[in-house]
Amino acid sequence: MPQGDLSNRDIPISGAEYRAVQASPEFQELRSRLRRFVFPMSALFLVWYAAYVILGAFAHDFMAIKVWGDINVGLLIGLGQFVSTFVITALYVHFANRELDPRAEAIRTGLEGRAA
């Protein structure tokens, strides 16, 4: 049996045990940390994306400003959308590895210890 694989256990973990973990302070802290990262980052990205769409719809002259050659402001902001997506992804991976994964592993270890 692979380590950490709760689905293939000889002794199944009951729903009551899962509910107890869900109600635990450790799980609540894990959930809180996740939300404190995800909600602000999502809001920031949505504002950034909405600004791009609004500028594209209503600020044609601004978006058409040539920066160099045929490259204009609209194209640079559009490419910035891709860059920001990769940056947010990298930030989340770093955050999850540092903050979430160790806490989730501790919760899982505790749950497996109770079920063993």
N, C-alpha and C. Protein backbone atom coordinates (compact mmCIF):
# COMPACT_ATOMS: atom_id res chain seq x y z
N MET A 1 0.85 -1.18 0.00
CA MET A 1 0.00 0.00 0.00
C MET A 1 0.89 1.24 0.00
N PRO A 2 0.67 2.19 -0.94
CA PRO A 2 1.47 3.41 -0.95
C PRO A 2 1.25 4.22 0.31
N GLN A 3 2.32 4.85 0.79
CA GLN A 3 2.21 5.66 2.00
C GLN A 3 1.27 6.83 1.73
N GLY A 4 0.36 7.09 2.67
CA GLY A 4 -0.55 8.21 2.54
C GLY A 4 -1.80 7.92 1.73
N ASP A 5 -1.95 6.71 1.22
CA ASP A 5 -3.12 6.38 0.41
C ASP A 5 -4.23 5.87 1.32
N LEU A 6 -5.15 6.75 1.68
CA LEU A 6 -6.21 6.39 2.62
C LEU A 6 -7.30 5.54 1.97
N SER A 7 -7.39 5.54 0.64
CA SER A 7 -8.47 4.84 -0.03
C SER A 7 -8.28 3.32 -0.03
N ASN A 8 -7.07 2.83 0.12
CA ASN A 8 -6.81 1.39 0.07
C ASN A 8 -6.49 0.80 1.43
N ARG A 9 -7.02 1.37 2.47
CA ARG A 9 -6.73 0.90 3.83
C ARG A 9 -7.56 -0.34 4.14
N ASP A 10 -7.01 -1.21 4.98
CA ASP A 10 -7.75 -2.38 5.44
C ASP A 10 -8.87 -1.95 6.38
N ILE A 11 -8.59 -0.95 7.21
CA ILE A 11 -9.59 -0.43 8.15
C ILE A 11 -10.05 0.92 7.62
N PRO A 12 -11.29 1.02 7.17
CA PRO A 12 -11.75 2.29 6.62
C PRO A 12 -11.85 3.37 7.70
N ILE A 13 -11.63 4.59 7.29
CA ILE A 13 -11.77 5.72 8.20
C ILE A 13 -13.22 6.17 8.14
N SER A 14 -13.81 6.33 9.31
CA SER A 14 -15.24 6.64 9.36
C SER A 14 -15.50 8.11 9.06
N GLY A 15 -16.74 8.38 8.70
CA GLY A 15 -17.16 9.76 8.47
C GLY A 15 -17.01 10.61 9.71
N ALA A 16 -17.22 10.01 10.87
CA ALA A 16 -17.08 10.75 12.13
C ALA A 16 -15.63 11.20 12.32
N GLU A 17 -14.69 10.35 11.93
CA GLU A 17 -13.28 10.73 12.05
C GLU A 17 -12.94 11.89 11.10
N TYR A 18 -13.47 11.83 9.89
CA TYR A 18 -13.24 12.93 8.95
C TYR A 18 -13.87 14.22 9.47
N ARG A 19 -15.08 14.13 10.03
CA ARG A 19 -15.74 15.33 10.58
C ARG A 19 -14.96 15.89 11.76
N ALA A 20 -14.39 15.00 12.57
CA ALA A 20 -13.58 15.45 13.71
C ALA A 20 -12.34 16.21 13.22
N VAL A 21 -11.71 15.69 12.17
CA VAL A 21 -10.55 16.38 11.60
C VAL A 21 -10.98 17.73 11.03
N GLN A 22 -12.10 17.74 10.33
CA GLN A 22 -12.59 18.99 9.74
C GLN A 22 -12.88 20.04 10.80
N ALA A 23 -13.32 19.63 11.96
CA ALA A 23 -13.64 20.56 13.04
C ALA A 23 -12.42 20.94 13.88
N SER A 24 -11.30 20.28 13.65
CA SER A 24 -10.11 20.51 14.47
C SER A 24 -9.51 21.89 14.20
N PRO A 25 -8.86 22.47 15.21
CA PRO A 25 -8.20 23.77 15.02
C PRO A 25 -7.11 23.72 13.94
N GLU A 26 -6.43 22.59 13.81
CA GLU A 26 -5.37 22.47 12.81
C GLU A 26 -5.94 22.57 11.40
N PHE A 27 -7.07 21.90 11.16
CA PHE A 27 -7.69 21.96 9.84
C PHE A 27 -8.25 23.35 9.57
N GLN A 28 -8.85 23.96 10.58
CA GLN A 28 -9.39 25.31 10.43
C GLN A 28 -8.27 26.30 10.09
N GLU A 29 -7.12 26.14 10.72
CA GLU A 29 -5.97 27.00 10.43
C GLU A 29 -5.49 26.78 9.00
N LEU A 30 -5.43 25.53 8.56
CA LEU A 30 -5.04 25.22 7.19
C LEU A 30 -5.98 25.89 6.20
N ARG A 31 -7.26 25.75 6.44
CA ARG A 31 -8.27 26.35 5.57
C ARG A 31 -8.17 27.88 5.57
N SER A 32 -7.94 28.44 6.73
CA SER A 32 -7.82 29.89 6.86
C SER A 32 -6.61 30.41 6.08
N ARG A 33 -5.49 29.71 6.20
CA ARG A 33 -4.28 30.13 5.47
C ARG A 33 -4.51 30.05 3.96
N LEU A 34 -5.17 28.99 3.51
CA LEU A 34 -5.47 28.86 2.09
C LEU A 34 -6.33 30.03 1.62
N ARG A 35 -7.38 30.32 2.35
CA ARG A 35 -8.29 31.41 1.96
C ARG A 35 -7.60 32.77 2.00
N ARG A 36 -6.72 32.98 2.98
CA ARG A 36 -6.02 34.27 3.06
C ARG A 36 -5.09 34.49 1.87
N PHE A 37 -4.68 33.43 1.22
CA PHE A 37 -3.88 33.58 0.01
C PHE A 37 -4.76 33.65 -1.23
N VAL A 38 -5.68 32.70 -1.36
CA VAL A 38 -6.44 32.55 -2.60
C VAL A 38 -7.38 33.72 -2.87
N PHE A 39 -8.14 34.15 -1.89
CA PHE A 39 -9.12 35.20 -2.14
C PHE A 39 -8.49 36.53 -2.54
N PRO A 40 -7.50 37.04 -1.81
CA PRO A 40 -6.88 38.30 -2.26
C PRO A 40 -6.18 38.17 -3.62
N MET A 41 -5.50 37.05 -3.84
CA MET A 41 -4.80 36.88 -5.11
C MET A 41 -5.80 36.79 -6.26
N SER A 42 -6.92 36.11 -6.05
CA SER A 42 -7.95 36.04 -7.08
C SER A 42 -8.54 37.41 -7.36
N ALA A 43 -8.82 38.16 -6.31
CA ALA A 43 -9.38 39.51 -6.48
C ALA A 43 -8.39 40.39 -7.24
N LEU A 44 -7.12 40.33 -6.87
CA LEU A 44 -6.10 41.13 -7.55
C LEU A 44 -6.05 40.78 -9.04
N PHE A 45 -6.05 39.50 -9.35
CA PHE A 45 -5.98 39.10 -10.75
C PHE A 45 -7.24 39.52 -11.51
N LEU A 46 -8.41 39.37 -10.89
CA LEU A 46 -9.64 39.77 -11.58
C LEU A 46 -9.69 41.26 -11.85
N VAL A 47 -9.20 42.07 -10.91
CA VAL A 47 -9.13 43.52 -11.14
C VAL A 47 -8.16 43.82 -12.29
N TRP A 48 -7.02 43.16 -12.30
CA TRP A 48 -6.02 43.33 -13.36
C TRP A 48 -6.61 42.94 -14.70
N TYR A 49 -7.33 41.82 -14.76
CA TYR A 49 -7.94 41.37 -16.01
C TYR A 49 -9.06 42.31 -16.44
N ALA A 50 -9.90 42.74 -15.49
CA ALA A 50 -10.99 43.66 -15.81
C ALA A 50 -10.43 44.98 -16.35
N ALA A 51 -9.33 45.45 -15.77
CA ALA A 51 -8.71 46.68 -16.26
C ALA A 51 -8.27 46.51 -17.72
N TYR A 52 -7.71 45.36 -18.04
CA TYR A 52 -7.29 45.08 -19.41
C TYR A 52 -8.48 45.08 -20.36
N VAL A 53 -9.56 44.43 -19.97
CA VAL A 53 -10.75 44.38 -20.82
C VAL A 53 -11.36 45.77 -20.98
N ILE A 54 -11.47 46.51 -19.89
CA ILE A 54 -12.06 47.85 -19.95
C ILE A 54 -11.20 48.78 -20.79
N LEU A 55 -9.89 48.72 -20.61
CA LEU A 55 -9.00 49.53 -21.45
C LEU A 55 -9.15 49.15 -22.93
N GLY A 56 -9.25 47.86 -23.19
CA GLY A 56 -9.42 47.41 -24.57
C GLY A 56 -10.73 47.89 -25.18
N ALA A 57 -11.76 47.99 -24.36
CA ALA A 57 -13.07 48.40 -24.86
C ALA A 57 -13.22 49.91 -24.98
N PHE A 58 -12.63 50.66 -24.04
CA PHE A 58 -12.91 52.09 -23.98
C PHE A 58 -11.70 53.00 -24.16
N ALA A 59 -10.51 52.48 -24.17
CA ALA A 59 -9.32 53.32 -24.31
C ALA A 59 -8.51 52.88 -25.52
N HIS A 60 -9.16 52.89 -26.67
CA HIS A 60 -8.52 52.42 -27.90
C HIS A 60 -7.24 53.19 -28.20
N ASP A 61 -7.30 54.50 -28.04
CA ASP A 61 -6.12 55.32 -28.35
C ASP A 61 -4.94 54.96 -27.44
N PHE A 62 -5.23 54.75 -26.16
CA PHE A 62 -4.17 54.38 -25.23
C PHE A 62 -3.58 53.01 -25.59
N MET A 63 -4.45 52.05 -25.85
CA MET A 63 -3.98 50.69 -26.15
C MET A 63 -3.23 50.64 -27.48
N ALA A 64 -3.48 51.59 -28.37
CA ALA A 64 -2.84 51.60 -29.69
C ALA A 64 -1.51 52.33 -29.71
N ILE A 65 -1.11 52.90 -28.59
CA ILE A 65 0.18 53.62 -28.54
C ILE A 65 1.30 52.64 -28.88
N LYS A 66 2.09 53.01 -29.87
CA LYS A 66 3.21 52.17 -30.28
C LYS A 66 4.36 52.34 -29.29
N VAL A 67 4.88 51.23 -28.82
CA VAL A 67 6.00 51.25 -27.89
C VAL A 67 7.30 51.15 -28.68
N TRP A 68 7.41 50.16 -29.54
CA TRP A 68 8.50 50.07 -30.51
C TRP A 68 8.02 49.18 -31.66
N GLY A 69 8.34 49.58 -32.85
CA GLY A 69 7.89 48.86 -34.03
C GLY A 69 6.37 48.73 -34.05
N ASP A 70 5.89 47.52 -34.28
CA ASP A 70 4.45 47.27 -34.28
C ASP A 70 3.93 46.83 -32.91
N ILE A 71 4.75 46.88 -31.91
CA ILE A 71 4.35 46.49 -30.55
C ILE A 71 3.67 47.69 -29.88
N ASN A 72 2.43 47.48 -29.44
CA ASN A 72 1.70 48.57 -28.79
C ASN A 72 1.40 48.23 -27.33
N VAL A 73 0.85 49.20 -26.62
CA VAL A 73 0.55 49.03 -25.20
C VAL A 73 -0.42 47.87 -24.98
N GLY A 74 -1.43 47.75 -25.83
CA GLY A 74 -2.41 46.66 -25.68
C GLY A 74 -1.77 45.29 -25.74
N LEU A 75 -0.84 45.12 -26.66
CA LEU A 75 -0.15 43.84 -26.78
C LEU A 75 0.70 43.57 -25.54
N LEU A 76 1.38 44.58 -25.05
CA LEU A 76 2.21 44.40 -23.85
C LEU A 76 1.36 44.05 -22.63
N ILE A 77 0.23 44.73 -22.48
CA ILE A 77 -0.64 44.42 -21.35
C ILE A 77 -1.21 43.01 -21.50
N GLY A 78 -1.57 42.63 -22.73
CA GLY A 78 -2.07 41.27 -22.97
C GLY A 78 -1.03 40.22 -22.62
N LEU A 79 0.21 40.46 -23.02
CA LEU A 79 1.29 39.53 -22.65
C LEU A 79 1.52 39.54 -21.14
N GLY A 80 1.30 40.71 -20.54
CA GLY A 80 1.41 40.81 -19.08
C GLY A 80 0.41 39.92 -18.37
N GLN A 81 -0.73 39.68 -19.01
CA GLN A 81 -1.72 38.76 -18.43
C GLN A 81 -1.13 37.36 -18.30
N PHE A 82 -0.43 36.92 -19.33
CA PHE A 82 0.20 35.60 -19.28
C PHE A 82 1.29 35.56 -18.22
N VAL A 83 2.11 36.59 -18.21
CA VAL A 83 3.20 36.65 -17.23
C VAL A 83 2.64 36.63 -15.82
N SER A 84 1.60 37.42 -15.57
CA SER A 84 1.03 37.47 -14.22
C SER A 84 0.43 36.12 -13.83
N THR A 85 -0.13 35.39 -14.78
CA THR A 85 -0.66 34.06 -14.48
C THR A 85 0.46 33.12 -14.02
N PHE A 86 1.58 33.15 -14.72
CA PHE A 86 2.71 32.31 -14.32
C PHE A 86 3.29 32.73 -12.98
N VAL A 87 3.34 34.03 -12.73
CA VAL A 87 3.86 34.53 -11.45
C VAL A 87 2.95 34.09 -10.31
N ILE A 88 1.64 34.24 -10.50
CA ILE A 88 0.69 33.84 -9.46
C ILE A 88 0.80 32.34 -9.20
N THR A 89 0.94 31.56 -10.27
CA THR A 89 1.10 30.11 -10.11
C THR A 89 2.36 29.78 -9.31
N ALA A 90 3.46 30.43 -9.64
CA ALA A 90 4.71 30.19 -8.92
C ALA A 90 4.59 30.60 -7.46
N LEU A 91 3.94 31.73 -7.20
CA LEU A 91 3.72 32.17 -5.81
C LEU A 91 2.88 31.16 -5.04
N TYR A 92 1.83 30.64 -5.70
CA TYR A 92 0.98 29.66 -5.02
C TYR A 92 1.75 28.38 -4.72
N VAL A 93 2.52 27.89 -5.68
CA VAL A 93 3.29 26.66 -5.46
C VAL A 93 4.25 26.85 -4.29
N HIS A 94 4.93 27.99 -4.26
CA HIS A 94 5.85 28.28 -3.16
C HIS A 94 5.09 28.34 -1.83
N PHE A 95 3.96 29.04 -1.83
CA PHE A 95 3.14 29.17 -0.63
C PHE A 95 2.63 27.80 -0.17
N ALA A 96 2.13 27.00 -1.10
CA ALA A 96 1.60 25.68 -0.74
C ALA A 96 2.70 24.78 -0.19
N ASN A 97 3.85 24.78 -0.83
CA ASN A 97 4.96 23.95 -0.35
C ASN A 97 5.44 24.36 1.03
N ARG A 98 5.42 25.65 1.30
CA ARG A 98 5.95 26.17 2.57
C ARG A 98 4.91 26.16 3.68
N GLU A 99 3.67 26.53 3.36
CA GLU A 99 2.64 26.74 4.39
C GLU A 99 1.58 25.64 4.47
N LEU A 100 1.11 25.18 3.32
CA LEU A 100 -0.04 24.27 3.33
C LEU A 100 0.36 22.80 3.43
N ASP A 101 1.29 22.38 2.60
CA ASP A 101 1.64 20.96 2.55
C ASP A 101 2.12 20.39 3.88
N PRO A 102 3.00 21.07 4.62
CA PRO A 102 3.41 20.51 5.91
C PRO A 102 2.23 20.36 6.88
N ARG A 103 1.34 21.33 6.90
CA ARG A 103 0.17 21.25 7.78
C ARG A 103 -0.78 20.13 7.34
N ALA A 104 -0.99 20.02 6.04
CA ALA A 104 -1.87 18.95 5.54
C ALA A 104 -1.27 17.58 5.83
N GLU A 105 0.03 17.46 5.69
CA GLU A 105 0.70 16.18 5.99
C GLU A 105 0.56 15.83 7.46
N ALA A 106 0.68 16.82 8.34
CA ALA A 106 0.52 16.56 9.78
C ALA A 106 -0.91 16.12 10.09
N ILE A 107 -1.88 16.74 9.45
CA ILE A 107 -3.28 16.35 9.66
C ILE A 107 -3.50 14.93 9.17
N ARG A 108 -2.98 14.62 7.98
CA ARG A 108 -3.15 13.27 7.42
C ARG A 108 -2.47 12.23 8.30
N THR A 109 -1.28 12.53 8.78
CA THR A 109 -0.56 11.60 9.66
C THR A 109 -1.37 11.34 10.93
N GLY A 110 -1.94 12.39 11.49
CA GLY A 110 -2.78 12.22 12.68
C GLY A 110 -4.00 11.38 12.40
N LEU A 111 -4.61 11.58 11.25
CA LEU A 111 -5.80 10.80 10.87
C LEU A 111 -5.42 9.33 10.66
N GLU A 112 -4.33 9.08 10.00
CA GLU A 112 -3.89 7.70 9.79
C GLU A 112 -3.53 7.03 11.11
N GLY A 113 -2.94 7.80 12.03
CA GLY A 113 -2.58 7.25 13.34
C GLY A 113 -3.80 6.85 14.14
N ARG A 114 -4.87 7.64 14.01
CA ARG A 114 -6.11 7.30 14.73
C ARG A 114 -6.78 6.07 14.14
N ALA A 115 -6.65 5.91 12.82
CA ALA A 115 -7.35 4.81 12.16
C ALA A 115 -6.57 3.50 12.23
N ALA A 116 -5.29 3.58 12.54
CA ALA A 116 -4.46 2.37 12.55
C ALA A 116 -4.74 1.49 13.75
